[in-house]
């Protein structure tokens, strides 16, 4: 059994001893978010175009933690790129730890010019370790690098934000947590238990947004009552109850250009299935225009249990009429019938049903 104790006066310790110890404290390699600055919005090692733009990238001051080693740059660094050629390429700017040379510094991983360029792989071995700060698209024949050419990768897997492994064994908050300045909880994993915290990426990728949400699957919602107005969401049942199915029956002719129903014999011209959502006792008003030729004609509405009404007309010109019918059985069928004697033709048009005593539906419900 080997027992190791650190650190005491009079003992000698190696580079690997300190690196091993610090790696246990600083679990995650990456850029340190110093002075309350979130590096995703500037801060440590932010890569930007030079002023004036040329073939270089400026790197702001910052600190990086890499495999137990620390790298600090306290002034702006100007990283020079090679001139462009006749083909584009991708370059990477990295923080490179070299254990052989005992050094940590900025370096450029220059890509290979190609019509379809790719990034050169990072080196992560026992002798060298690299963290990518950014990558740059170097276009064919360009003489300057602009901000749009630079992709900041500090918060991605190729770099990351350095931090301590504050797990359940280390921290268990009991009460409010105050996040000062711009510090934030970052890199939270996808939740497993119902009381776990989640990150913004998980919420955005799992739930529809409040503005212009894009639902997937088969989302459901409560069906509002007919008495409810406002901006509530109408469900399929609600809409199906409002726009009911209809079918023509009998010897009916519909003249599409004038929307006229005519009959020279008794004819059922419409059959409607009343919605279940309407209340027993609701009164509907039927509006229509009617005229007859060579005798009287009768337009009637029936089929509702205990209800129905009709109008006999001998008008030679179209005349508008209304009558009321009462809903006794929601869901029953409602038939519209023209009845005439032999030799008589009856015309009915502009048929509409209105509901006046139904809250929110004091308006035209059906028309054909």
Protein backbone atom coordinates (compact mmCIF):
# COMPACT_ATOMS: atom_id res chain seq x y z
CA UNK A 1 0.00 0.00 0.00
CA UNK A 2 1.33 3.43 -0.96
CA UNK A 3 0.41 6.44 1.15
CA UNK A 4 1.12 9.94 -0.14
CA UNK A 5 1.05 13.11 1.96
CA UNK A 6 1.50 16.63 0.59
CA UNK A 7 2.67 19.41 1.17
CA UNK A 8 5.19 19.89 4.00
CA UNK A 9 8.31 22.02 4.55
CA UNK A 10 11.56 20.22 3.98
CA UNK A 11 10.13 17.87 1.37
CA UNK A 12 10.73 17.97 -2.37
CA UNK A 13 7.86 17.84 -4.82
CA UNK A 14 7.91 17.54 -8.58
CA UNK A 15 6.05 19.31 -11.37
CA UNK A 16 3.78 16.27 -11.78
CA UNK A 17 2.91 16.35 -8.05
CA UNK A 18 1.64 19.91 -8.28
CA UNK A 19 -0.11 19.26 -11.62
CA UNK A 20 -1.88 16.19 -10.23
CA UNK A 21 -2.98 18.11 -7.15
CA UNK A 22 -4.25 21.12 -9.14
CA UNK A 23 -6.09 18.95 -11.67
CA UNK A 24 -8.12 17.53 -8.80
CA UNK A 25 -9.09 21.04 -7.72
CA UNK A 26 -9.62 22.53 -11.18
CA UNK A 27 -11.52 19.67 -12.70
CA UNK A 28 -12.27 21.36 -16.03
CA UNK A 29 -9.64 22.75 -18.38
CA UNK A 30 -10.37 26.00 -20.14
CA UNK A 31 -10.53 29.76 -19.81
CA UNK A 32 -11.03 31.29 -16.36
CA UNK A 33 -13.94 33.72 -16.15
CA UNK A 34 -12.03 36.27 -14.12
CA UNK A 35 -13.37 39.40 -12.39
CA UNK A 36 -16.98 38.41 -12.84
CA UNK A 37 -16.71 38.54 -16.66
CA UNK A 38 -18.51 35.86 -18.66
CA UNK A 39 -16.10 34.95 -21.47
CA UNK A 40 -19.02 34.17 -23.80
CA UNK A 41 -19.59 37.94 -24.02
CA UNK A 42 -15.97 39.15 -24.10
CA UNK A 43 -13.57 38.83 -21.21
CA UNK A 44 -10.69 36.38 -20.96
CA UNK A 45 -8.94 35.60 -24.26
CA UNK A 46 -11.67 37.11 -26.41
CA UNK A 47 -10.53 36.85 -30.08
CA UNK A 48 -11.17 39.88 -32.26
CA UNK A 49 -10.08 41.49 -35.51
CA UNK A 50 -7.06 43.77 -35.39
CA UNK A 51 -7.51 47.54 -35.77
CA UNK A 52 -6.99 48.23 -38.61
CA UNK A 53 -7.76 44.72 -39.93
CA UNK A 54 -4.80 42.72 -41.26
CA UNK A 55 -3.68 39.10 -41.30
CA UNK A 56 -3.74 38.77 -37.52
CA UNK A 57 -6.12 38.27 -34.58
CA UNK A 58 -6.03 40.19 -31.28
CA UNK A 59 -6.42 38.22 -28.05
CA UNK A 60 -7.56 40.02 -24.89
CA UNK A 61 -5.84 39.40 -21.53
CA UNK A 62 -6.89 36.34 -19.62
CA UNK A 63 -6.05 33.18 -17.73
CA UNK A 64 -6.35 29.59 -18.92
CA UNK A 65 -6.15 26.37 -16.93
CA UNK A 66 -4.74 23.40 -18.82
CA UNK A 67 -3.98 19.95 -17.37
CA UNK A 68 -3.01 21.32 -13.97
CA UNK A 69 -0.95 24.18 -15.42
CA UNK A 70 -1.80 27.88 -15.47
CA UNK A 71 -1.27 30.33 -18.33
CA UNK A 72 -1.77 34.07 -17.87
CA UNK A 73 -1.50 36.87 -20.42
CA UNK A 74 -1.91 40.30 -18.84
CA UNK A 75 -1.89 42.34 -22.06
CA UNK A 76 -3.50 42.14 -25.48
CA UNK A 77 -1.70 39.59 -27.65
CA UNK A 78 -1.52 39.90 -31.43
CA UNK A 79 -1.48 36.50 -33.14
CA UNK A 80 -0.10 36.69 -36.69
CA UNK A 81 -1.43 34.34 -39.39
CA UNK A 82 0.31 33.28 -42.59
CA UNK A 83 -0.62 35.04 -45.81
CA UNK A 84 -3.51 33.64 -47.81
CA UNK A 85 -2.95 31.56 -50.92
CA UNK A 86 -5.09 30.81 -53.96
CA UNK A 87 -7.25 28.41 -51.91
CA UNK A 88 -9.08 28.92 -48.61
CA UNK A 89 -8.09 27.28 -45.32
CA UNK A 90 -9.08 27.11 -41.64
CA UNK A 91 -6.60 28.08 -38.92
CA UNK A 92 -6.94 27.41 -35.21
CA UNK A 93 -5.52 29.58 -32.42
CA UNK A 94 -4.78 27.43 -29.38
CA UNK A 95 -3.26 27.60 -25.93
CA UNK A 96 -0.57 24.90 -26.11
CA UNK A 97 0.98 23.11 -23.13
CA UNK A 98 4.31 21.49 -24.02
CA UNK A 99 5.62 19.25 -21.23
CA UNK A 100 8.92 18.65 -23.05
CA UNK A 101 9.70 22.36 -23.37
CA UNK A 102 8.01 23.26 -20.03
CA UNK A 103 5.98 25.98 -21.73
CA UNK A 104 2.41 27.21 -22.22
CA UNK A 105 1.71 29.79 -24.92
CA UNK A 106 -0.48 30.77 -27.85
CA UNK A 107 0.07 28.87 -31.10
CA UNK A 108 -1.47 28.71 -34.57
CA UNK A 109 -2.60 25.41 -36.08
CA UNK A 110 -2.47 26.36 -39.74
CA UNK A 111 -4.85 24.43 -41.96
CA UNK A 112 -4.16 23.04 -45.40
CA UNK A 113 -5.41 25.21 -48.31
CA UNK A 114 -8.16 23.36 -50.13
CA UNK A 115 -11.29 24.06 -52.14
CA UNK A 116 -13.19 22.41 -49.24
CA UNK A 117 -10.93 23.17 -46.24
CA UNK A 118 -11.14 21.39 -42.88
CA UNK A 119 -9.76 22.07 -39.41
CA UNK A 120 -6.48 20.48 -38.38
CA UNK A 121 -6.90 18.13 -35.40
CA UNK A 122 -5.92 19.25 -31.90
CA UNK A 123 -2.99 17.50 -30.22
CA UNK A 124 -3.74 15.95 -26.84
CA UNK A 125 -0.95 13.55 -25.85
CA UNK A 126 1.41 12.90 -22.94
CA UNK A 127 3.84 15.46 -24.35
CA UNK A 128 1.48 18.19 -25.66
CA UNK A 129 -2.03 19.42 -24.94
CA UNK A 130 -4.02 22.10 -26.79
CA UNK A 131 -7.11 24.16 -26.01
CA UNK A 132 -8.76 25.90 -28.97
CA UNK A 133 -9.60 29.56 -28.38
CA UNK A 134 -11.03 30.19 -31.85
CA UNK A 135 -10.83 29.12 -35.47
CA UNK A 136 -10.52 31.44 -38.43
CA UNK A 137 -11.67 31.12 -42.02
CA UNK A 138 -8.86 32.42 -44.25
CA UNK A 139 -10.41 33.01 -47.63
CA UNK A 140 -8.55 32.62 -50.91
CA UNK A 141 -6.41 35.68 -51.65
CA UNK A 142 -7.61 37.75 -48.68
CA UNK A 143 -5.36 40.38 -47.12
CA UNK A 144 -7.19 40.87 -43.81
CA UNK A 145 -9.16 38.93 -41.20
CA UNK A 146 -12.47 40.38 -40.03
CA UNK A 147 -14.67 39.54 -37.04
CA UNK A 148 -17.10 37.57 -39.20
CA UNK A 149 -14.21 35.24 -40.14
CA UNK A 150 -13.54 34.35 -36.48
CA UNK A 151 -15.46 31.61 -34.64
CA UNK A 152 -15.13 31.90 -30.85
CA UNK A 153 -14.81 28.36 -29.41
CA UNK A 154 -13.99 29.16 -25.79
CA UNK A 155 -17.29 27.78 -24.48
CA UNK A 156 -17.24 24.62 -26.62
CA UNK A 157 -15.79 21.16 -25.98
CA UNK A 158 -12.52 22.13 -27.67
CA UNK A 159 -11.80 24.60 -24.85
CA UNK A 160 -14.37 25.18 -22.12
CA UNK A 161 -14.63 27.25 -18.96
CA UNK A 162 -12.26 26.17 -16.19
CA UNK A 163 -13.96 25.30 -12.94
CA UNK A 164 -13.99 23.25 -9.76
CA UNK A 165 -15.92 19.96 -9.49
CA UNK A 166 -18.66 21.24 -7.20
CA UNK A 167 -20.80 18.12 -7.03
CA UNK A 168 -23.25 16.85 -4.45
CA UNK A 169 -20.37 15.73 -2.22
CA UNK A 170 -19.00 19.29 -2.12
CA UNK A 171 -21.96 21.68 -2.20
CA UNK A 172 -25.56 21.24 -1.13
CA UNK A 173 -27.28 24.66 -1.13
CA UNK A 174 -29.93 25.20 1.50
CA UNK A 175 -31.72 28.45 0.77
CA UNK A 176 -31.26 31.21 -1.81
CA UNK A 177 -28.18 31.42 -4.03
CA UNK A 178 -27.03 34.91 -4.99
CA UNK A 179 -25.23 35.11 -8.36
CA UNK A 180 -23.20 38.31 -8.30
CA UNK A 181 -22.20 40.34 -11.37
CA UNK A 182 -22.21 38.09 -14.44
CA UNK A 183 -21.32 34.75 -12.83
CA UNK A 184 -23.63 31.92 -13.83
CA UNK A 185 -24.12 28.21 -13.33
CA UNK A 186 -22.79 26.60 -16.49
CA UNK A 187 -22.55 23.15 -18.06
CA UNK A 188 -25.44 21.61 -16.18
CA UNK A 189 -26.16 18.10 -17.51
CA UNK A 190 -29.58 17.02 -18.75
CA UNK A 191 -31.81 16.39 -15.71
CA UNK A 192 -32.72 12.93 -14.50
CA UNK A 193 -34.74 13.64 -11.35
CA UNK A 194 -37.74 15.96 -11.24
CA UNK A 195 -36.14 18.43 -8.82
CA UNK A 196 -32.87 18.95 -10.73
CA UNK A 197 -31.84 22.28 -12.24
CA UNK A 198 -31.69 22.57 -16.02
CA UNK A 199 -29.76 24.81 -18.39
CA UNK A 200 -31.09 27.12 -21.09
CA UNK A 201 -30.02 24.84 -23.96
CA UNK A 202 -32.07 21.99 -22.48
CA UNK A 203 -35.17 24.17 -22.07
CA UNK A 204 -34.87 25.67 -25.57
CA UNK A 205 -34.41 22.23 -27.13
CA UNK A 206 -37.20 20.54 -25.18
CA UNK A 207 -40.03 23.04 -24.87
CA UNK A 208 -41.76 25.29 -27.39
CA UNK A 209 -40.94 28.98 -27.04
CA UNK A 210 -43.45 31.52 -25.80
CA UNK A 211 -43.17 33.56 -28.99
CA UNK A 212 -44.32 31.73 -32.14
CA UNK A 213 -44.01 28.25 -30.60
CA UNK A 214 -43.48 25.27 -32.91
CA UNK A 215 -45.28 22.30 -31.35
CA UNK A 216 -44.45 18.72 -32.31
CA UNK A 217 -46.17 15.38 -31.69
CA UNK A 218 -49.82 15.51 -30.59
CA UNK A 219 -50.17 18.42 -28.13
CA UNK A 220 -53.51 18.74 -26.35
CA UNK A 221 -55.40 21.56 -24.69
CA UNK A 222 -58.65 21.85 -22.72
CA UNK A 223 -61.72 22.41 -24.91
CA UNK A 224 -63.24 25.79 -23.97
CA UNK A 225 -66.97 26.16 -23.38
CA UNK A 226 -69.03 28.04 -25.93
CA UNK A 227 -69.65 30.67 -23.25
CA UNK A 228 -65.95 31.54 -23.08
CA UNK A 229 -64.53 34.26 -25.31
CA UNK A 230 -61.15 35.96 -25.47
CA UNK A 231 -57.95 34.43 -26.85
CA UNK A 232 -58.29 30.86 -25.56
CA UNK A 233 -56.97 28.10 -27.88
CA UNK A 234 -59.75 26.30 -29.82
CA UNK A 235 -59.32 22.51 -29.89
CA UNK A 236 -60.33 20.07 -32.63
CA UNK A 237 -63.54 19.29 -30.73
CA UNK A 238 -64.33 22.99 -30.48
CA UNK A 239 -63.77 23.63 -34.18
CA UNK A 240 -65.57 20.45 -35.24
CA UNK A 241 -68.55 21.58 -33.24
CA UNK A 242 -68.57 24.97 -34.92
CA UNK A 243 -68.06 23.90 -38.53
CA UNK A 244 -70.48 20.99 -38.79
CA UNK A 245 -70.72 18.60 -41.70
CA UNK A 246 -73.45 19.02 -44.28
CA UNK A 247 -74.74 17.03 -47.19
CA UNK A 248 -77.32 17.51 -49.90
CA UNK A 249 -80.09 14.96 -50.33
CA UNK A 250 -83.03 14.37 -52.63
CA UNK A 251 -83.65 16.01 -56.01
CA UNK A 252 -81.87 19.26 -55.13
CA UNK A 253 -80.24 21.62 -57.58
CA UNK A 254 -77.73 24.23 -56.40
CA UNK A 255 -76.97 27.07 -58.81
CA UNK A 256 -73.45 28.04 -57.79
CA UNK A 257 -73.50 31.48 -59.38
CA UNK A 258 -76.55 32.67 -57.42
CA UNK A 259 -76.51 30.28 -54.43
CA UNK A 260 -80.14 29.33 -55.05
CA UNK A 261 -81.87 26.09 -54.04
CA UNK A 262 -84.89 25.21 -56.17
CA UNK A 263 -87.38 22.37 -56.16
CA UNK A 264 -90.38 21.33 -58.27
CA UNK A 265 -91.15 18.42 -55.93
CA UNK A 266 -90.77 17.94 -52.23
CA UNK A 267 -86.98 17.95 -51.58
CA UNK A 268 -84.62 17.83 -48.64
CA UNK A 269 -81.99 20.40 -49.55
CA UNK A 270 -79.70 20.22 -46.51
CA UNK A 271 -79.03 17.99 -43.52
CA UNK A 272 -76.88 19.32 -40.68
CA UNK A 273 -75.52 17.53 -37.61
CA UNK A 274 -75.94 19.91 -34.69
CA UNK A 275 -72.88 20.28 -32.44
CA UNK A 276 -72.94 18.60 -29.06
CA UNK A 277 -71.52 21.74 -27.45
CA UNK A 278 -74.70 23.80 -27.86
CA UNK A 279 -76.92 23.96 -24.84
CA UNK A 280 -80.39 22.45 -24.58
CA UNK A 281 -82.85 25.32 -24.80
CA UNK A 282 -80.72 27.46 -27.10
CA UNK A 283 -82.79 29.36 -29.65
CA UNK A 284 -81.57 29.66 -33.25
CA UNK A 285 -82.91 32.10 -35.83
CA UNK A 286 -83.11 30.89 -39.43
CA UNK A 287 -82.88 33.64 -42.08
CA UNK A 288 -83.65 33.03 -45.75
CA UNK A 289 -85.02 34.55 -48.98
CA UNK A 290 -87.87 32.74 -50.78
CA UNK A 291 -90.02 33.10 -53.91
CA UNK A 292 -92.39 30.78 -55.79
CA UNK A 293 -93.71 30.40 -59.35
CA UNK A 294 -97.17 29.01 -60.14
CA UNK A 295 -98.36 28.45 -56.60
CA UNK A 296 -97.33 28.43 -52.96
CA UNK A 297 -94.17 26.80 -51.63
CA UNK A 298 -93.25 25.76 -48.12
CA UNK A 299 -89.75 26.03 -46.60
CA UNK A 300 -89.45 24.11 -43.34
CA UNK A 301 -86.79 23.23 -40.79
CA UNK A 302 -87.28 20.15 -38.67
CA UNK A 303 -85.66 17.16 -37.07
CA UNK A 304 -84.84 18.64 -33.67
CA UNK A 305 -86.68 16.70 -30.98
CA UNK A 306 -89.76 18.73 -30.13
CA UNK A 307 -88.81 21.62 -32.43
CA UNK A 308 -89.14 22.85 -36.00
CA UNK A 309 -90.73 25.63 -37.98
CA UNK A 310 -91.89 26.41 -41.53
CA UNK A 311 -92.87 29.29 -43.80
CA UNK A 312 -95.42 29.18 -46.63
CA UNK A 313 -94.76 31.66 -49.42
CA UNK A 314 -96.59 32.71 -52.56
CA UNK A 315 -94.24 35.62 -53.27
CA UNK A 316 -93.37 36.13 -56.93
CA UNK A 317 -90.23 38.10 -55.97
CA UNK A 318 -87.65 37.19 -53.36
CA UNK A 319 -88.78 38.14 -49.86
CA UNK A 320 -86.72 37.76 -46.67
CA UNK A 321 -88.13 35.87 -43.70
CA UNK A 322 -86.96 34.58 -40.34
CA UNK A 323 -88.23 32.11 -37.82
CA UNK A 324 -86.93 30.73 -34.54
CA UNK A 325 -86.26 27.12 -33.60
CA UNK A 326 -85.33 25.77 -30.19
CA UNK A 327 -82.57 23.23 -29.59
CA UNK A 328 -83.96 20.37 -27.49
CA UNK A 329 -81.45 17.63 -28.18
CA UNK A 330 -77.81 18.59 -28.86
CA UNK A 331 -76.29 16.38 -31.52
CA UNK A 332 -79.56 15.68 -33.34
CA UNK A 333 -79.88 16.21 -37.09
CA UNK A 334 -81.57 19.23 -38.60
CA UNK A 335 -83.20 18.97 -42.05
CA UNK A 336 -84.12 21.81 -44.43
CA UNK A 337 -87.02 20.93 -46.75
CA UNK A 338 -88.80 22.63 -49.68
CA UNK A 339 -92.36 21.35 -50.30
CA UNK A 340 -94.36 22.32 -53.41
CA UNK A 341 -97.43 21.17 -55.34
CA UNK A 342 -97.17 19.76 -58.88
CA UNK A 343 -96.46 22.53 -61.40
CA UNK A 344 -95.02 24.88 -58.76
CA UNK A 345 -91.36 25.86 -58.42
CA UNK A 346 -89.99 27.25 -55.16
CA UNK A 347 -86.64 29.06 -54.83
CA UNK A 348 -84.76 29.58 -51.55
CA UNK A 349 -81.41 31.40 -51.18
CA UNK A 350 -79.20 33.15 -48.60
CA UNK A 351 -79.98 30.62 -45.88
CA UNK A 352 -78.22 31.37 -42.61
CA UNK A 353 -78.53 30.30 -38.99
CA UNK A 354 -77.96 32.77 -36.20
CA UNK A 355 -77.70 32.14 -32.45
CA UNK A 356 -78.85 35.10 -30.40
CA UNK A 357 -79.26 33.77 -26.88
CA UNK A 358 -75.93 31.90 -26.90
CA UNK A 359 -73.20 33.95 -25.19
CA UNK A 360 -70.28 34.74 -27.50
CA UNK A 361 -72.22 33.41 -30.50
CA UNK A 362 -74.66 36.23 -31.20
CA UNK A 363 -73.66 36.15 -34.82
CA UNK A 364 -74.04 34.14 -37.99
CA UNK A 365 -73.08 30.50 -37.39
CA UNK A 366 -73.82 28.85 -40.75
CA UNK A 367 -74.54 30.21 -44.18
CA UNK A 368 -74.85 28.61 -47.60
